[in-house]
Amino acid sequence: MGPRILNDVLRTIVNAEKRGKATANLQPISTVMVSFLNFMKIRGYIKDFQVFDPHRVGRITVELQGRINDCKPLTYRQDIKAKNLEEYKLRTLPTRQSMKLPFI
């Protein structure tokens, strides 16, 4: 199994928030990570982010606001069909208000 890039990125952001830093540098990058950061920017959890050299290893600099308490990706190893997605959300998440799912 390969590295979980999104998990590492979210842990880096949360650790930087806990330390009170204004920015966090994220490396390596992926398109999923960029779309997730865009979702966080729209919702107001981060100020802005900049992508440097996306065609190579790349680096993202994120400006933090101090609004993130905890953030973890939901990872699963089974395939879920679209018709079973609502059932999976009800079974997995503790409450409907506790988490935001950007891709569902």
N, C-alpha and C. Protein backbone atom coordinates (compact mmCIF):
# COMPACT_ATOMS: atom_id res chain seq x y z
N MET A 1 0.84 -1.18 0.00
CA MET A 1 0.00 0.00 0.00
C MET A 1 0.89 1.23 0.00
N GLY A 2 0.54 2.19 -0.81
CA GLY A 2 1.31 3.42 -0.93
C GLY A 2 1.05 4.38 0.21
N PRO A 3 1.75 5.49 0.19
CA PRO A 3 1.56 6.48 1.25
C PRO A 3 0.20 7.16 1.13
N ARG A 4 -0.34 7.53 2.25
CA ARG A 4 -1.62 8.24 2.27
C ARG A 4 -1.33 9.73 2.33
N ILE A 5 -1.29 10.34 1.17
CA ILE A 5 -0.86 11.73 1.05
C ILE A 5 -1.84 12.66 1.75
N LEU A 6 -3.14 12.46 1.55
CA LEU A 6 -4.13 13.35 2.16
C LEU A 6 -4.09 13.26 3.68
N ASN A 7 -3.89 12.07 4.22
CA ASN A 7 -3.78 11.89 5.66
C ASN A 7 -2.58 12.65 6.21
N ASP A 8 -1.43 12.55 5.55
CA ASP A 8 -0.23 13.26 5.99
C ASP A 8 -0.42 14.77 5.92
N VAL A 9 -1.08 15.24 4.87
CA VAL A 9 -1.30 16.68 4.71
C VAL A 9 -2.21 17.22 5.81
N LEU A 10 -3.28 16.52 6.10
CA LEU A 10 -4.21 16.99 7.13
C LEU A 10 -3.56 16.96 8.51
N ARG A 11 -2.74 15.97 8.78
CA ARG A 11 -2.01 15.93 10.06
C ARG A 11 -1.03 17.10 10.15
N THR A 12 -0.38 17.46 9.05
CA THR A 12 0.54 18.59 9.04
C THR A 12 -0.20 19.89 9.31
N ILE A 13 -1.37 20.06 8.71
CA ILE A 13 -2.16 21.27 8.93
C ILE A 13 -2.62 21.37 10.38
N VAL A 14 -3.13 20.27 10.93
CA VAL A 14 -3.62 20.29 12.31
C VAL A 14 -2.47 20.56 13.28
N ASN A 15 -1.31 19.95 13.05
CA ASN A 15 -0.16 20.18 13.94
C ASN A 15 0.31 21.62 13.86
N ALA A 16 0.31 22.22 12.67
CA ALA A 16 0.70 23.63 12.54
C ALA A 16 -0.31 24.54 13.24
N GLU A 17 -1.59 24.20 13.17
CA GLU A 17 -2.62 24.98 13.86
C GLU A 17 -2.42 24.91 15.37
N LYS A 18 -2.13 23.71 15.89
CA LYS A 18 -1.94 23.55 17.33
C LYS A 18 -0.72 24.31 17.83
N ARG A 19 0.30 24.43 17.00
CA ARG A 19 1.51 25.17 17.38
C ARG A 19 1.36 26.67 17.18
N GLY A 20 0.27 27.10 16.56
CA GLY A 20 0.02 28.52 16.37
C GLY A 20 0.76 29.13 15.20
N LYS A 21 1.16 28.32 14.24
CA LYS A 21 1.87 28.84 13.08
C LYS A 21 0.90 29.50 12.10
N ALA A 22 1.42 30.46 11.32
CA ALA A 22 0.58 31.18 10.36
C ALA A 22 0.50 30.45 9.03
N THR A 23 1.53 29.66 8.69
CA THR A 23 1.54 28.94 7.42
C THR A 23 1.97 27.50 7.64
N ALA A 24 1.64 26.67 6.67
CA ALA A 24 2.07 25.27 6.68
C ALA A 24 2.53 24.93 5.27
N ASN A 25 3.67 24.26 5.16
CA ASN A 25 4.19 23.83 3.86
C ASN A 25 3.88 22.35 3.69
N LEU A 26 3.25 22.02 2.57
CA LEU A 26 2.79 20.66 2.32
C LEU A 26 3.53 20.09 1.12
N GLN A 27 4.00 18.85 1.28
CA GLN A 27 4.73 18.21 0.20
C GLN A 27 4.63 16.71 0.39
N PRO A 28 4.47 15.87 -0.58
CA PRO A 28 4.15 16.08 -1.99
C PRO A 28 2.68 16.45 -2.15
N ILE A 29 2.28 16.77 -3.37
CA ILE A 29 0.92 17.24 -3.60
C ILE A 29 0.18 16.31 -4.56
N SER A 30 -1.14 16.44 -4.58
CA SER A 30 -1.97 15.69 -5.52
C SER A 30 -3.17 16.56 -5.88
N THR A 31 -3.89 16.17 -6.91
CA THR A 31 -5.06 16.93 -7.34
C THR A 31 -6.19 16.82 -6.31
N VAL A 32 -6.30 15.68 -5.64
CA VAL A 32 -7.32 15.51 -4.61
C VAL A 32 -7.05 16.48 -3.46
N MET A 33 -5.78 16.62 -3.11
CA MET A 33 -5.42 17.53 -2.04
C MET A 33 -5.74 18.97 -2.41
N VAL A 34 -5.47 19.36 -3.64
CA VAL A 34 -5.76 20.73 -4.08
C VAL A 34 -7.26 20.99 -4.05
N SER A 35 -8.07 20.02 -4.48
CA SER A 35 -9.52 20.22 -4.45
C SER A 35 -10.05 20.26 -3.01
N PHE A 36 -9.45 19.47 -2.12
CA PHE A 36 -9.86 19.50 -0.71
C PHE A 36 -9.49 20.83 -0.07
N LEU A 37 -8.31 21.36 -0.38
CA LEU A 37 -7.91 22.66 0.15
C LEU A 37 -8.80 23.77 -0.40
N ASN A 38 -9.23 23.64 -1.64
CA ASN A 38 -10.16 24.61 -2.21
C ASN A 38 -11.49 24.57 -1.46
N PHE A 39 -11.96 23.39 -1.11
CA PHE A 39 -13.18 23.23 -0.31
C PHE A 39 -13.01 23.89 1.06
N MET A 40 -11.85 23.68 1.69
CA MET A 40 -11.59 24.29 3.00
C MET A 40 -11.52 25.81 2.90
N LYS A 41 -11.01 26.31 1.79
CA LYS A 41 -10.94 27.76 1.59
C LYS A 41 -12.34 28.36 1.41
N ILE A 42 -13.19 27.69 0.64
CA ILE A 42 -14.56 28.16 0.43
C ILE A 42 -15.33 28.18 1.75
N ARG A 43 -15.13 27.16 2.59
CA ARG A 43 -15.83 27.08 3.87
C ARG A 43 -15.23 28.00 4.94
N GLY A 44 -14.06 28.60 4.67
CA GLY A 44 -13.47 29.56 5.59
C GLY A 44 -12.54 28.97 6.63
N TYR A 45 -12.08 27.75 6.45
CA TYR A 45 -11.16 27.14 7.42
C TYR A 45 -9.72 27.58 7.20
N ILE A 46 -9.35 27.92 5.97
CA ILE A 46 -8.02 28.43 5.67
C ILE A 46 -8.18 29.72 4.88
N LYS A 47 -7.16 30.59 4.96
CA LYS A 47 -7.23 31.86 4.24
C LYS A 47 -6.99 31.66 2.75
N ASP A 48 -5.84 31.09 2.41
CA ASP A 48 -5.46 30.94 1.02
C ASP A 48 -4.38 29.87 0.92
N PHE A 49 -4.15 29.38 -0.28
CA PHE A 49 -3.04 28.46 -0.51
C PHE A 49 -2.47 28.73 -1.89
N GLN A 50 -1.18 28.43 -2.03
CA GLN A 50 -0.49 28.61 -3.30
C GLN A 50 0.21 27.31 -3.66
N VAL A 51 0.07 26.93 -4.93
CA VAL A 51 0.71 25.71 -5.43
C VAL A 51 1.97 26.11 -6.19
N PHE A 52 3.10 25.54 -5.80
CA PHE A 52 4.37 25.79 -6.47
C PHE A 52 4.82 24.53 -7.20
N ASP A 53 5.09 24.66 -8.49
CA ASP A 53 5.64 23.59 -9.33
C ASP A 53 4.78 22.32 -9.27
N PRO A 54 3.53 22.36 -9.77
CA PRO A 54 2.64 21.21 -9.65
C PRO A 54 3.01 20.03 -10.55
N HIS A 55 3.88 20.23 -11.55
CA HIS A 55 4.18 19.15 -12.48
C HIS A 55 5.31 18.26 -12.00
N ARG A 56 6.04 18.69 -11.00
CA ARG A 56 7.09 17.85 -10.43
C ARG A 56 6.61 17.37 -9.07
N VAL A 57 7.47 17.30 -8.10
CA VAL A 57 7.04 16.87 -6.77
C VAL A 57 6.08 17.89 -6.18
N GLY A 58 6.38 19.17 -6.31
CA GLY A 58 5.47 20.23 -5.92
C GLY A 58 5.47 20.54 -4.45
N ARG A 59 4.89 21.69 -4.15
CA ARG A 59 4.79 22.16 -2.78
C ARG A 59 3.60 23.10 -2.70
N ILE A 60 2.89 23.05 -1.60
CA ILE A 60 1.76 23.95 -1.36
C ILE A 60 2.03 24.69 -0.06
N THR A 61 1.84 26.00 -0.09
CA THR A 61 1.92 26.82 1.12
C THR A 61 0.50 27.24 1.48
N VAL A 62 0.08 26.90 2.70
CA VAL A 62 -1.28 27.17 3.16
C VAL A 62 -1.21 28.24 4.25
N GLU A 63 -2.03 29.29 4.10
CA GLU A 63 -2.16 30.31 5.14
C GLU A 63 -3.30 29.90 6.07
N LEU A 64 -2.98 29.72 7.35
CA LEU A 64 -3.94 29.21 8.31
C LEU A 64 -4.68 30.35 9.02
N GLN A 65 -5.89 30.05 9.49
CA GLN A 65 -6.70 31.03 10.22
C GLN A 65 -6.85 30.68 11.69
N GLY A 66 -6.57 29.47 12.08
CA GLY A 66 -6.76 29.07 13.47
C GLY A 66 -8.14 28.51 13.75
N ARG A 67 -8.87 28.09 12.74
CA ARG A 67 -10.23 27.59 12.92
C ARG A 67 -10.33 26.07 12.92
N ILE A 68 -9.24 25.37 12.66
CA ILE A 68 -9.29 23.92 12.55
C ILE A 68 -8.94 23.30 13.90
N ASN A 69 -9.87 22.54 14.46
CA ASN A 69 -9.61 21.81 15.70
C ASN A 69 -9.03 20.43 15.39
N ASP A 70 -9.68 19.72 14.50
CA ASP A 70 -9.21 18.40 14.12
C ASP A 70 -9.74 18.10 12.72
N CYS A 71 -8.95 17.39 11.94
CA CYS A 71 -9.34 17.10 10.57
C CYS A 71 -8.67 15.78 10.17
N LYS A 72 -9.47 14.80 9.80
CA LYS A 72 -8.95 13.49 9.40
C LYS A 72 -9.71 13.00 8.17
N PRO A 73 -9.04 12.31 7.28
CA PRO A 73 -9.77 11.74 6.14
C PRO A 73 -10.42 10.41 6.53
N LEU A 74 -11.54 10.13 5.92
CA LEU A 74 -12.16 8.82 6.08
C LEU A 74 -11.58 7.92 5.00
N THR A 75 -10.88 6.90 5.41
CA THR A 75 -10.31 5.97 4.45
C THR A 75 -10.98 4.61 4.63
N TYR A 76 -11.23 3.98 3.56
CA TYR A 76 -11.84 2.66 3.59
C TYR A 76 -11.24 1.83 2.47
N ARG A 77 -11.32 0.56 2.61
CA ARG A 77 -10.70 -0.34 1.65
C ARG A 77 -11.72 -1.07 0.78
N GLN A 78 -12.97 -0.88 1.01
CA GLN A 78 -13.97 -1.55 0.21
C GLN A 78 -14.58 -0.58 -0.80
N ASP A 79 -15.07 -1.11 -1.86
CA ASP A 79 -15.75 -0.30 -2.86
C ASP A 79 -17.19 -0.07 -2.41
N ILE A 80 -17.66 1.13 -2.60
CA ILE A 80 -19.02 1.49 -2.23
C ILE A 80 -19.74 1.97 -3.47
N LYS A 81 -20.87 1.38 -3.74
CA LYS A 81 -21.67 1.80 -4.88
C LYS A 81 -22.45 3.06 -4.53
N ALA A 82 -22.83 3.81 -5.53
CA ALA A 82 -23.51 5.09 -5.32
C ALA A 82 -24.83 4.91 -4.57
N LYS A 83 -25.54 3.82 -4.83
CA LYS A 83 -26.82 3.63 -4.16
C LYS A 83 -26.65 3.28 -2.68
N ASN A 84 -25.47 2.77 -2.28
CA ASN A 84 -25.21 2.41 -0.89
C ASN A 84 -24.46 3.50 -0.13
N LEU A 85 -24.25 4.65 -0.74
CA LEU A 85 -23.44 5.70 -0.13
C LEU A 85 -24.10 6.29 1.11
N GLU A 86 -25.39 6.53 1.06
CA GLU A 86 -26.09 7.11 2.21
C GLU A 86 -26.06 6.15 3.40
N GLU A 87 -26.21 4.87 3.14
CA GLU A 87 -26.14 3.87 4.20
C GLU A 87 -24.75 3.84 4.83
N TYR A 88 -23.71 3.97 4.00
CA TYR A 88 -22.34 3.99 4.50
C TYR A 88 -22.10 5.22 5.38
N LYS A 89 -22.62 6.38 4.97
CA LYS A 89 -22.46 7.60 5.76
C LYS A 89 -23.15 7.46 7.12
N LEU A 90 -24.35 6.89 7.14
CA LEU A 90 -25.07 6.73 8.40
C LEU A 90 -24.37 5.74 9.33
N ARG A 91 -23.77 4.72 8.76
CA ARG A 91 -23.10 3.70 9.55
C ARG A 91 -21.74 4.17 10.07
N THR A 92 -21.03 4.99 9.30
CA THR A 92 -19.66 5.36 9.62
C THR A 92 -19.55 6.62 10.46
N LEU A 93 -20.29 7.67 10.10
CA LEU A 93 -20.15 8.95 10.78
C LEU A 93 -20.92 8.96 12.09
N PRO A 94 -20.39 9.63 13.12
CA PRO A 94 -21.09 9.66 14.40
C PRO A 94 -22.41 10.43 14.35
N THR A 95 -22.41 11.61 13.73
CA THR A 95 -23.64 12.38 13.54
C THR A 95 -23.58 13.06 12.18
N ARG A 96 -24.71 13.53 11.72
CA ARG A 96 -24.73 14.19 10.41
C ARG A 96 -24.12 15.59 10.48
N GLN A 97 -24.13 16.22 11.65
CA GLN A 97 -23.62 17.57 11.77
C GLN A 97 -22.14 17.62 12.12
N SER A 98 -21.54 16.51 12.51
CA SER A 98 -20.18 16.55 13.05
C SER A 98 -19.12 16.71 11.97
N MET A 99 -19.36 16.25 10.77
CA MET A 99 -18.33 16.28 9.74
C MET A 99 -18.90 16.78 8.43
N LYS A 100 -18.03 17.33 7.62
CA LYS A 100 -18.42 17.77 6.29
C LYS A 100 -17.71 16.88 5.27
N LEU A 101 -18.47 16.38 4.32
CA LEU A 101 -17.92 15.52 3.29
C LEU A 101 -17.96 16.27 1.97
N PRO A 102 -16.82 16.74 1.47
CA PRO A 102 -16.84 17.57 0.27
C PRO A 102 -17.11 16.81 -1.02
N PHE A 103 -16.78 15.53 -1.07
CA PHE A 103 -16.85 14.80 -2.33
C PHE A 103 -18.10 13.97 -2.45
N ILE A 104 -18.99 14.04 -1.49
CA ILE A 104 -20.20 13.21 -1.52
C ILE A 104 -21.39 14.08 -1.78
